Amino acid sequence: MSTSYHDKVIYSGTGRRKTSVARVRLIPGSGKLIINGLPGESYLQFSPNYLRISCAPLNILGLNKEYDVYVKAEGGGLTGQADAIRLGLARALCNINPDNRIMLKSEGLLRRDARIKERKKYGLRKARKAPQYSKR
């Protein structure tokens, strides 16, 4: 989806992972990453791993310095948010050019990770941990 905002084209995409949701907007620019109003490096605690994960779609397509990325991330922790940003960014890049979809799909970046926390069952201590069983 693309909309015009002050004569700039905005491409958007939404990503989810565990309980995290990231709404990503791409604006043609110089390559800034802003997450919840903070620079991406400081929001992701200067972790090279989280930065690499969240910027993977841009790195694969070689568009690092062509778009400014604005993200609103909520829920979960940093790992879930970084993966949600990656999916939202990949979806936004598919809106820019349909040819990007082929490359991103081959790298597995358009697949939503469906693993979520299993719910706790009554009679158990956690999702699967049972109290100690005594035979007699």
Protein backbone atom coordinates (compact mmCIF):
# COMPACT_ATOMS: atom_id res chain seq x y z
CA MET A 1 0.00 0.00 0.00
CA SER A 2 1.38 3.39 -0.90
CA THR A 3 0.08 6.80 0.08
CA SER A 4 1.30 10.33 -0.48
CA TYR A 5 2.44 12.40 2.49
CA HIS A 6 3.76 15.90 1.80
CA ASP A 7 4.72 14.92 -1.76
CA LYS A 8 6.61 11.84 -0.54
CA VAL A 9 5.48 8.32 -1.33
CA ILE A 10 5.08 6.09 1.71
CA TYR A 11 5.13 2.29 1.49
CA SER A 12 3.87 0.37 4.50
CA GLY A 13 3.87 -3.17 5.80
CA THR A 14 2.92 -4.95 9.01
CA GLY A 15 4.91 -7.73 10.65
CA ARG A 16 4.12 -9.95 13.62
CA ARG A 17 6.17 -12.39 15.70
CA LYS A 18 5.16 -14.02 19.01
CA THR A 19 3.22 -11.16 20.68
CA SER A 20 5.07 -8.36 18.89
CA VAL A 21 3.55 -6.20 16.17
CA ALA A 22 5.58 -3.82 14.00
CA ARG A 23 4.07 -1.28 11.61
CA VAL A 24 6.75 -0.26 9.12
CA ARG A 25 6.73 2.78 6.81
CA LEU A 26 9.30 3.29 4.06
CA ILE A 27 9.98 6.77 2.71
CA PRO A 28 12.60 7.51 0.03
CA GLY A 29 15.55 9.02 1.88
CA SER A 30 19.05 8.42 3.19
CA GLY A 31 18.81 5.11 5.07
CA LYS A 32 17.72 6.12 8.59
CA LEU A 33 16.12 3.54 10.89
CA ILE A 34 13.77 5.06 13.49
CA ILE A 35 11.95 2.74 15.91
CA ASN A 36 9.35 4.27 18.25
CA GLY A 37 10.96 7.70 17.83
CA LEU A 38 14.48 6.51 18.69
CA PRO A 39 17.39 5.69 16.39
CA GLY A 40 17.33 1.98 15.55
CA GLU A 41 20.74 1.29 17.08
CA SER A 42 19.81 2.68 20.49
CA TYR A 43 16.33 1.11 20.53
CA LEU A 44 17.81 -2.32 19.76
CA GLN A 45 20.43 -1.75 22.50
CA PHE A 46 23.33 -1.51 20.03
CA SER A 47 23.06 -5.25 19.38
CA PRO A 48 24.55 -6.10 15.97
CA ASN A 49 22.45 -9.27 15.89
CA TYR A 50 19.12 -7.43 16.26
CA LEU A 51 20.19 -4.79 13.72
CA ARG A 52 21.24 -7.47 11.23
CA ILE A 53 17.93 -9.31 11.67
CA SER A 54 15.72 -6.26 11.31
CA CYS A 55 17.57 -4.80 8.29
CA ALA A 56 18.01 -8.12 6.45
CA PRO A 57 15.49 -7.38 3.64
CA LEU A 58 17.21 -4.08 2.80
CA ASN A 59 20.65 -5.72 2.84
CA ILE A 60 19.57 -8.55 0.54
CA LEU A 61 18.09 -6.15 -2.02
CA GLY A 62 20.95 -3.65 -1.64
CA LEU A 63 18.62 -0.77 -0.74
CA ASN A 64 20.33 0.23 2.56
CA LYS A 65 20.81 3.90 1.73
CA GLU A 66 17.72 4.49 -0.41
CA TYR A 67 14.86 4.47 2.11
CA ASP A 68 14.22 5.87 5.57
CA VAL A 69 12.49 3.28 7.75
CA TYR A 70 10.02 4.41 10.41
CA VAL A 71 8.70 1.71 12.72
CA LYS A 72 6.10 1.57 15.46
CA ALA A 73 6.81 -1.62 17.41
CA GLU A 74 4.81 -2.82 20.38
CA GLY A 75 4.42 -5.94 22.48
CA GLY A 76 6.85 -8.71 23.31
CA GLY A 77 10.59 -8.31 23.69
CA LEU A 78 13.44 -7.23 21.46
CA THR A 79 13.79 -10.59 19.68
CA GLY A 80 10.13 -10.69 18.70
CA GLN A 81 10.15 -7.03 17.71
CA ALA A 82 13.27 -7.44 15.55
CA ASP A 83 11.67 -10.36 13.70
CA ALA A 84 8.39 -8.45 13.35
CA ILE A 85 10.29 -5.47 11.89
CA ARG A 86 12.00 -7.80 9.41
CA LEU A 87 8.66 -9.20 8.18
CA GLY A 88 7.02 -5.77 7.98
CA LEU A 89 10.00 -4.37 6.09
CA ALA A 90 9.93 -7.28 3.63
CA ARG A 91 6.22 -6.76 3.00
CA ALA A 92 6.71 -3.03 2.45
CA LEU A 93 9.51 -3.71 -0.04
CA CYS A 94 7.17 -6.02 -1.98
CA ASN A 95 4.76 -3.08 -2.32
CA ILE A 96 7.52 -0.98 -3.89
CA ASN A 97 8.44 -3.46 -6.61
CA PRO A 98 6.77 -6.86 -7.20
CA ASP A 99 10.12 -8.19 -8.48
CA ASN A 100 11.49 -7.88 -4.93
CA ARG A 101 9.02 -10.57 -3.85
CA ILE A 102 10.88 -13.33 -5.70
CA MET A 103 14.20 -12.60 -4.00
CA LEU A 104 12.70 -12.08 -0.53
CA LYS A 105 10.58 -15.23 -0.78
CA SER A 106 13.60 -17.34 -1.76
CA GLU A 107 15.36 -16.09 1.40
CA GLY A 108 12.30 -16.98 3.53
CA LEU A 109 11.69 -13.39 4.65
CA LEU A 110 7.99 -13.32 3.73
CA ARG A 111 7.06 -16.25 5.96
CA ARG A 112 5.43 -15.47 9.30
CA ASP A 113 6.88 -17.54 12.15
CA ALA A 114 3.79 -19.18 13.66
CA ARG A 115 5.46 -20.38 16.87
CA ILE A 116 3.84 -18.79 19.91
CA LYS A 117 3.86 -19.59 23.62
CA GLU A 118 1.71 -22.58 24.54
CA ARG A 119 -1.03 -21.83 27.03
CA LYS A 120 -0.99 -23.11 30.62
CA LYS A 121 -3.40 -25.96 31.34
CA TYR A 122 -5.27 -26.34 34.61
CA GLY A 123 -3.92 -29.07 36.90
CA LEU A 124 -0.39 -28.43 35.62
CA ARG A 125 2.26 -25.99 36.81
CA LYS A 126 3.10 -24.69 33.34
CA ALA A 127 2.02 -25.61 29.82
CA ARG A 128 3.38 -29.16 30.18
CA LYS A 129 5.11 -29.35 33.58
CA ALA A 130 3.12 -31.56 35.92
CA PRO A 131 3.41 -31.82 39.70
CA GLN A 132 5.45 -34.75 40.95
CA TYR A 133 3.54 -38.02 40.75
CA SER A 134 3.50 -40.34 43.79
CA LYS A 135 2.45 -43.91 43.14
CA ARG A 136 1.79 -44.71 46.83
